N, C-alpha and C. Protein backbone atom coordinates (compact mmCIF):
# COMPACT_ATOMS: atom_id res chain seq x y z
N UNK A 1 -29.67 -130.30 116.11
CA UNK A 1 -28.51 -131.02 115.03
C UNK A 1 -27.08 -130.36 115.50
N UNK A 2 -26.02 -130.89 114.96
CA UNK A 2 -24.69 -130.56 115.44
C UNK A 2 -24.46 -129.27 114.53
N UNK A 3 -23.39 -128.39 115.47
CA UNK A 3 -23.26 -126.96 114.41
C UNK A 3 -24.17 -126.17 114.22
N UNK A 4 -25.54 -126.35 115.34
CA UNK A 4 -26.42 -125.39 115.10
C UNK A 4 -26.84 -124.74 116.40
N UNK A 5 -27.37 -123.45 116.47
CA UNK A 5 -27.98 -122.72 117.57
C UNK A 5 -29.13 -122.32 117.69
N UNK A 6 -30.11 -122.69 118.32
CA UNK A 6 -31.49 -122.13 117.78
C UNK A 6 -32.30 -121.11 118.97
N UNK A 7 -32.57 -120.08 118.19
CA UNK A 7 -33.09 -119.24 119.00
C UNK A 7 -34.62 -118.82 118.80
N UNK A 8 -35.13 -118.84 119.84
CA UNK A 8 -36.92 -118.49 119.37
C UNK A 8 -37.05 -117.03 120.20
N UNK A 9 -37.70 -116.17 119.21
CA UNK A 9 -37.87 -114.79 119.53
C UNK A 9 -39.35 -114.43 119.17
N UNK A 10 -40.02 -113.66 120.29
CA UNK A 10 -41.46 -113.16 119.86
C UNK A 10 -41.34 -111.77 120.79
N UNK A 11 -41.82 -110.93 120.06
CA UNK A 11 -41.99 -109.62 120.39
C UNK A 11 -43.32 -109.11 120.26
N UNK A 12 -43.92 -108.46 121.38
CA UNK A 12 -45.44 -108.04 121.14
C UNK A 12 -45.36 -106.58 121.49
N UNK A 13 -45.60 -105.61 120.72
CA UNK A 13 -45.71 -104.19 120.94
C UNK A 13 -47.00 -103.69 121.25
N UNK A 14 -47.59 -103.11 122.04
CA UNK A 14 -48.83 -102.47 122.13
C UNK A 14 -48.72 -100.87 122.94
N UNK A 15 -49.34 -99.98 122.37
CA UNK A 15 -49.71 -98.80 122.92
C UNK A 15 -51.26 -98.31 122.49
N UNK A 16 -52.09 -98.67 123.62
CA UNK A 16 -53.36 -97.91 123.35
C UNK A 16 -54.10 -99.11 122.45
N UNK A 17 -54.64 -98.53 121.30
CA UNK A 17 -55.29 -99.48 120.37
C UNK A 17 -54.15 -100.14 119.20
N UNK A 18 -53.04 -99.70 119.28
CA UNK A 18 -52.27 -100.07 118.25
C UNK A 18 -51.27 -101.24 118.75
N UNK A 19 -50.96 -102.39 118.21
CA UNK A 19 -50.58 -103.64 118.55
C UNK A 19 -49.99 -104.12 117.25
N UNK A 20 -48.58 -104.50 117.76
CA UNK A 20 -47.81 -105.11 116.81
C UNK A 20 -47.07 -106.46 117.27
N UNK A 21 -47.15 -107.52 116.43
CA UNK A 21 -46.86 -108.77 116.95
C UNK A 21 -45.74 -109.30 115.90
N UNK A 22 -44.21 -109.20 116.42
CA UNK A 22 -43.30 -109.80 115.67
C UNK A 22 -42.56 -111.26 116.02
N UNK A 23 -43.05 -112.38 115.00
CA UNK A 23 -42.81 -113.57 115.77
C UNK A 23 -41.88 -114.43 114.46
N UNK A 24 -40.80 -114.01 114.30
CA UNK A 24 -39.90 -114.96 113.28
C UNK A 24 -40.04 -116.28 113.41
N UNK A 25 -40.46 -117.08 114.53
CA UNK A 25 -40.18 -118.10 115.09
C UNK A 25 -38.81 -118.46 115.29
N UNK A 26 -38.57 -119.79 114.94
CA UNK A 26 -37.01 -120.11 115.26
C UNK A 26 -36.16 -120.03 114.19
N UNK A 27 -34.88 -119.32 114.99
CA UNK A 27 -34.04 -118.65 114.08
C UNK A 27 -32.80 -119.67 114.51
N UNK A 28 -32.05 -119.99 113.44
CA UNK A 28 -31.04 -121.29 113.47
C UNK A 28 -29.66 -120.62 113.07
N UNK A 29 -28.56 -120.81 113.67
CA UNK A 29 -27.43 -120.12 113.54
C UNK A 29 -26.52 -121.33 113.31
N UNK A 30 -25.79 -121.43 112.24
CA UNK A 30 -25.00 -122.39 111.94
C UNK A 30 -23.73 -122.31 112.47
N UNK A 31 -23.36 -122.63 113.80
CA UNK A 31 -22.46 -122.37 114.66
C UNK A 31 -22.11 -123.31 115.82
N UNK A 32 -20.84 -123.98 116.04
CA UNK A 32 -20.83 -124.62 117.33
C UNK A 32 -20.15 -123.73 118.30
N UNK A 33 -20.50 -123.32 119.60
CA UNK A 33 -20.02 -122.74 120.41
C UNK A 33 -18.81 -123.57 121.15
N UNK A 34 -17.73 -122.63 121.39
CA UNK A 34 -16.92 -123.50 122.20
C UNK A 34 -16.98 -123.03 123.78
N UNK A 35 -17.43 -122.18 123.81
CA UNK A 35 -17.62 -121.36 125.36
C UNK A 35 -18.88 -121.07 125.15
N UNK A 36 -19.70 -121.20 126.18
CA UNK A 36 -20.79 -120.27 126.47
C UNK A 36 -20.71 -119.01 127.75
N UNK A 37 -20.50 -118.00 127.59
CA UNK A 37 -20.48 -117.19 128.77
C UNK A 37 -21.68 -116.49 129.24
N UNK A 38 -21.91 -116.39 130.41
CA UNK A 38 -23.23 -115.63 130.91
C UNK A 38 -22.97 -115.08 132.10
N UNK A 39 -23.22 -113.91 132.32
CA UNK A 39 -23.08 -113.06 133.58
C UNK A 39 -23.53 -111.93 133.65
N UNK A 40 -24.11 -111.46 134.94
CA UNK A 40 -24.69 -110.11 135.14
C UNK A 40 -23.60 -108.84 135.53
N UNK A 41 -23.30 -107.94 134.39
CA UNK A 41 -22.21 -107.05 134.89
C UNK A 41 -22.70 -105.90 135.26
N UNK A 42 -21.83 -105.05 135.87
CA UNK A 42 -22.03 -103.69 136.41
C UNK A 42 -21.24 -102.86 135.45
N UNK A 43 -22.04 -102.29 134.54
CA UNK A 43 -21.46 -101.40 133.67
C UNK A 43 -21.34 -99.74 133.91
N UNK A 44 -20.29 -99.43 133.65
CA UNK A 44 -19.95 -97.92 134.04
C UNK A 44 -19.75 -96.99 132.83
N UNK A 45 -19.46 -95.77 133.16
CA UNK A 45 -19.46 -94.75 131.97
C UNK A 45 -18.07 -95.19 131.18
N UNK A 46 -17.48 -96.04 131.92
CA UNK A 46 -16.00 -96.39 131.00
C UNK A 46 -16.26 -97.60 130.15
N UNK A 47 -15.59 -97.92 129.28
CA UNK A 47 -15.95 -98.78 128.35
C UNK A 47 -15.61 -100.14 128.84
N UNK A 48 -16.24 -101.20 128.67
CA UNK A 48 -16.01 -102.43 129.27
C UNK A 48 -16.14 -103.44 128.15
N UNK A 49 -15.16 -104.28 128.04
CA UNK A 49 -15.63 -105.82 126.91
C UNK A 49 -15.94 -106.69 127.77
N UNK A 50 -16.97 -107.40 127.19
CA UNK A 50 -17.53 -108.71 127.98
C UNK A 50 -17.55 -109.88 127.32
N UNK A 51 -16.45 -110.39 126.49
CA UNK A 51 -16.29 -111.73 125.87
C UNK A 51 -15.78 -112.66 126.99
N UNK A 52 -14.92 -112.21 127.60
CA UNK A 52 -14.36 -113.13 128.74
C UNK A 52 -14.16 -114.69 128.20
N UNK A 53 -12.99 -115.12 127.73
CA UNK A 53 -12.91 -116.37 127.42
C UNK A 53 -13.22 -116.91 126.12
N UNK A 54 -14.41 -116.21 125.53
CA UNK A 54 -14.80 -116.63 124.43
C UNK A 54 -14.02 -116.40 123.44
N UNK A 55 -13.50 -117.19 122.26
CA UNK A 55 -12.65 -116.63 121.32
C UNK A 55 -13.61 -116.71 120.10
N UNK A 56 -13.55 -115.95 119.19
CA UNK A 56 -14.45 -115.62 117.99
C UNK A 56 -15.94 -115.98 118.50
N UNK A 57 -16.27 -114.91 119.00
CA UNK A 57 -17.88 -114.87 119.42
C UNK A 57 -18.74 -114.82 118.51
N UNK A 58 -19.76 -115.49 118.40
CA UNK A 58 -20.71 -115.07 117.16
C UNK A 58 -22.24 -114.58 117.43
N UNK A 59 -22.50 -114.77 118.90
CA UNK A 59 -23.74 -114.21 119.11
C UNK A 59 -23.85 -113.71 120.45
N UNK A 60 -24.72 -112.78 120.50
CA UNK A 60 -24.71 -111.96 121.97
C UNK A 60 -26.20 -111.63 122.25
N UNK A 61 -26.61 -111.72 123.41
CA UNK A 61 -27.96 -111.15 123.97
C UNK A 61 -27.52 -110.53 125.04
N UNK A 62 -28.14 -109.02 125.41
CA UNK A 62 -27.76 -108.11 126.36
C UNK A 62 -29.37 -107.59 126.84
N UNK A 63 -29.40 -107.63 127.95
CA UNK A 63 -30.44 -106.95 128.82
C UNK A 63 -30.03 -106.09 129.86
N UNK A 64 -30.48 -104.70 129.63
CA UNK A 64 -30.19 -103.59 130.55
C UNK A 64 -31.11 -103.69 131.84
N UNK A 65 -30.78 -103.70 133.12
CA UNK A 65 -31.93 -103.94 134.02
C UNK A 65 -32.14 -102.52 134.84
N UNK A 66 -31.25 -101.47 134.52
CA UNK A 66 -31.47 -100.20 135.09
C UNK A 66 -32.86 -99.39 134.55
N UNK A 67 -33.29 -98.91 135.49
CA UNK A 67 -34.72 -98.10 135.27
C UNK A 67 -34.61 -96.81 134.72
N UNK A 68 -33.29 -96.10 134.75
CA UNK A 68 -33.21 -94.92 134.30
C UNK A 68 -32.12 -94.67 133.08
N UNK A 69 -31.07 -95.42 133.27
CA UNK A 69 -29.97 -95.07 132.25
C UNK A 69 -29.76 -96.09 131.05
N UNK A 70 -29.42 -95.63 129.97
CA UNK A 70 -29.30 -96.44 129.14
C UNK A 70 -27.93 -96.98 128.59
N UNK A 71 -27.53 -97.97 128.09
CA UNK A 71 -26.36 -98.69 127.55
C UNK A 71 -26.08 -98.82 126.19
N UNK A 72 -24.79 -98.35 126.02
CA UNK A 72 -24.41 -98.39 124.52
C UNK A 72 -23.74 -99.70 124.20
N UNK A 73 -23.99 -100.23 123.04
CA UNK A 73 -22.89 -101.70 122.63
C UNK A 73 -22.55 -101.49 121.47
N UNK A 74 -21.24 -102.09 121.33
CA UNK A 74 -20.84 -102.26 119.88
C UNK A 74 -19.69 -103.33 119.99
N UNK A 75 -19.00 -103.74 118.75
CA UNK A 75 -18.25 -104.70 118.61
C UNK A 75 -16.84 -103.87 118.27
N UNK A 76 -16.64 -102.72 118.51
CA UNK A 76 -15.08 -101.73 118.73
C UNK A 76 -15.61 -100.79 119.57
N UNK A 77 -14.39 -100.43 120.17
CA UNK A 77 -14.40 -99.24 121.07
C UNK A 77 -14.63 -97.84 120.35
N UNK A 78 -14.90 -97.76 119.11
CA UNK A 78 -15.04 -96.53 118.48
C UNK A 78 -16.73 -96.24 117.87
N UNK A 79 -17.31 -97.59 118.19
CA UNK A 79 -18.74 -97.25 117.36
C UNK A 79 -19.31 -98.27 117.98
N UNK A 80 -20.67 -97.73 118.52
CA UNK A 80 -21.54 -98.30 119.45
C UNK A 80 -23.13 -98.37 118.78
N UNK A 81 -23.10 -99.22 117.95
CA UNK A 81 -24.47 -98.88 117.07
C UNK A 81 -25.80 -99.47 117.51
N UNK A 82 -25.64 -100.17 119.17
CA UNK A 82 -26.83 -100.71 119.71
C UNK A 82 -26.93 -99.75 120.78
N UNK A 83 -28.18 -99.91 121.02
CA UNK A 83 -28.69 -98.81 121.96
C UNK A 83 -29.87 -99.54 123.29
N UNK A 84 -29.35 -99.84 124.42
CA UNK A 84 -30.23 -100.43 125.38
C UNK A 84 -30.83 -99.79 126.35
N UNK A 85 -32.04 -99.24 125.67
CA UNK A 85 -33.05 -98.41 126.50
C UNK A 85 -33.04 -98.96 128.09
N UNK A 86 -33.63 -98.13 129.12
CA UNK A 86 -33.43 -98.67 130.50
C UNK A 86 -34.75 -99.82 130.49
N UNK A 87 -34.43 -100.83 131.13
CA UNK A 87 -35.40 -101.73 131.22
C UNK A 87 -36.27 -102.12 130.30
N UNK A 88 -35.83 -102.40 128.99
CA UNK A 88 -36.58 -102.62 127.93
C UNK A 88 -36.40 -103.70 127.36
N UNK A 89 -36.80 -104.06 125.99
CA UNK A 89 -36.47 -105.47 125.48
C UNK A 89 -34.80 -105.69 125.28
N UNK A 90 -34.60 -107.05 125.72
CA UNK A 90 -33.27 -107.72 125.25
C UNK A 90 -33.27 -107.34 123.91
N UNK A 91 -32.01 -107.25 123.63
CA UNK A 91 -31.28 -106.95 122.35
C UNK A 91 -30.45 -108.44 121.81
N UNK A 92 -30.70 -109.09 120.77
CA UNK A 92 -29.76 -109.96 120.47
C UNK A 92 -29.22 -109.75 119.11
N UNK A 93 -28.15 -109.99 118.89
CA UNK A 93 -27.59 -110.16 117.36
C UNK A 93 -26.30 -110.91 117.29
N UNK A 94 -26.01 -111.27 115.92
CA UNK A 94 -24.91 -111.81 115.65
C UNK A 94 -23.94 -111.15 115.34
N UNK A 95 -22.66 -111.68 115.84
CA UNK A 95 -21.36 -110.98 115.60
C UNK A 95 -20.52 -111.36 114.24
N UNK A 96 -20.11 -110.53 113.67
CA UNK A 96 -19.23 -110.65 112.24
C UNK A 96 -17.86 -111.59 112.74
N UNK A 97 -17.43 -112.32 111.82
CA UNK A 97 -16.28 -113.23 111.99
C UNK A 97 -15.28 -112.42 112.39
N UNK A 98 -14.97 -111.08 111.88
CA UNK A 98 -13.81 -110.32 112.09
C UNK A 98 -13.91 -109.63 113.36
N UNK A 99 -14.91 -109.61 114.27
CA UNK A 99 -14.88 -109.21 115.25
C UNK A 99 -14.82 -110.09 116.77
N UNK A 100 -13.92 -109.43 117.68
CA UNK A 100 -13.48 -110.64 118.68
C UNK A 100 -14.00 -110.20 120.17
N UNK A 101 -14.70 -108.76 120.35
CA UNK A 101 -15.10 -108.62 121.46
C UNK A 101 -16.51 -107.67 121.38
N UNK A 102 -17.02 -107.48 122.59
CA UNK A 102 -18.49 -106.81 122.74
C UNK A 102 -18.03 -105.65 123.81
N UNK A 103 -18.32 -104.38 123.38
CA UNK A 103 -18.07 -103.33 124.34
C UNK A 103 -19.19 -102.85 124.65
N UNK A 104 -19.29 -102.28 126.17
CA UNK A 104 -20.50 -101.97 126.64
C UNK A 104 -19.98 -100.50 127.24
N UNK A 105 -20.94 -99.66 127.12
CA UNK A 105 -20.70 -98.04 127.97
C UNK A 105 -21.92 -97.65 128.46
N UNK A 106 -22.30 -97.48 129.87
CA UNK A 106 -23.25 -96.70 130.22
C UNK A 106 -23.54 -95.16 130.13
N UNK A 107 -24.63 -94.51 129.98
CA UNK A 107 -24.45 -93.10 129.57
C UNK A 107 -23.93 -92.32 130.90
N UNK A 108 -24.65 -92.34 131.93
CA UNK A 108 -24.41 -91.15 133.12
C UNK A 108 -24.10 -92.27 134.54
N UNK A 109 -24.71 -93.18 134.50
CA UNK A 109 -24.44 -93.79 135.83
C UNK A 109 -24.22 -95.55 135.56
N UNK A 110 -23.75 -95.84 136.59
CA UNK A 110 -23.63 -97.42 136.54
C UNK A 110 -24.94 -98.53 136.36
N UNK A 111 -25.02 -99.52 135.65
CA UNK A 111 -26.05 -100.27 135.13
C UNK A 111 -25.71 -101.59 135.35
N UNK A 112 -26.81 -102.21 135.71
CA UNK A 112 -26.52 -104.02 135.70
C UNK A 112 -26.95 -104.49 134.13
N UNK A 113 -26.43 -105.24 133.72
CA UNK A 113 -26.59 -105.83 132.13
C UNK A 113 -26.42 -107.15 132.14
N UNK A 114 -27.23 -108.03 131.89
CA UNK A 114 -27.03 -109.37 131.45
C UNK A 114 -26.61 -109.41 130.29
N UNK A 115 -25.40 -110.49 130.17
CA UNK A 115 -24.77 -110.69 129.14
C UNK A 115 -24.74 -112.24 128.70
N UNK A 116 -24.96 -112.43 127.60
CA UNK A 116 -24.92 -113.85 126.96
C UNK A 116 -24.16 -113.90 125.78
N UNK A 117 -22.90 -114.67 125.74
CA UNK A 117 -21.98 -114.57 124.70
C UNK A 117 -21.61 -115.87 124.23
N UNK A 118 -21.76 -116.18 122.90
CA UNK A 118 -21.19 -117.44 122.65
C UNK A 118 -20.79 -117.54 120.86
């Protein structure tokens, strides 16, 4: 439908005999993107903003390809509440209406991160 973005998410966690299946199904965001930005970025220990041409971003999906180093993510340069573990699950989140950028910072070495913002 118009003005909707649909996301499907399923996460299966298992460790030995313990297993958890998180499957909320279809998630609908009521928003019409003006621009969709997708790129693999080389993130360093310096702060990087990754919205590139997307004004008023509302949704972000991130995946850290590095097998050793983690990446921190946030919507301000002073606060990084999201932690992208080395080569682990992709992280997706909605962005509040007053936020204009996504900031990323690697902990000790450069990392490649897939970024999808709209």
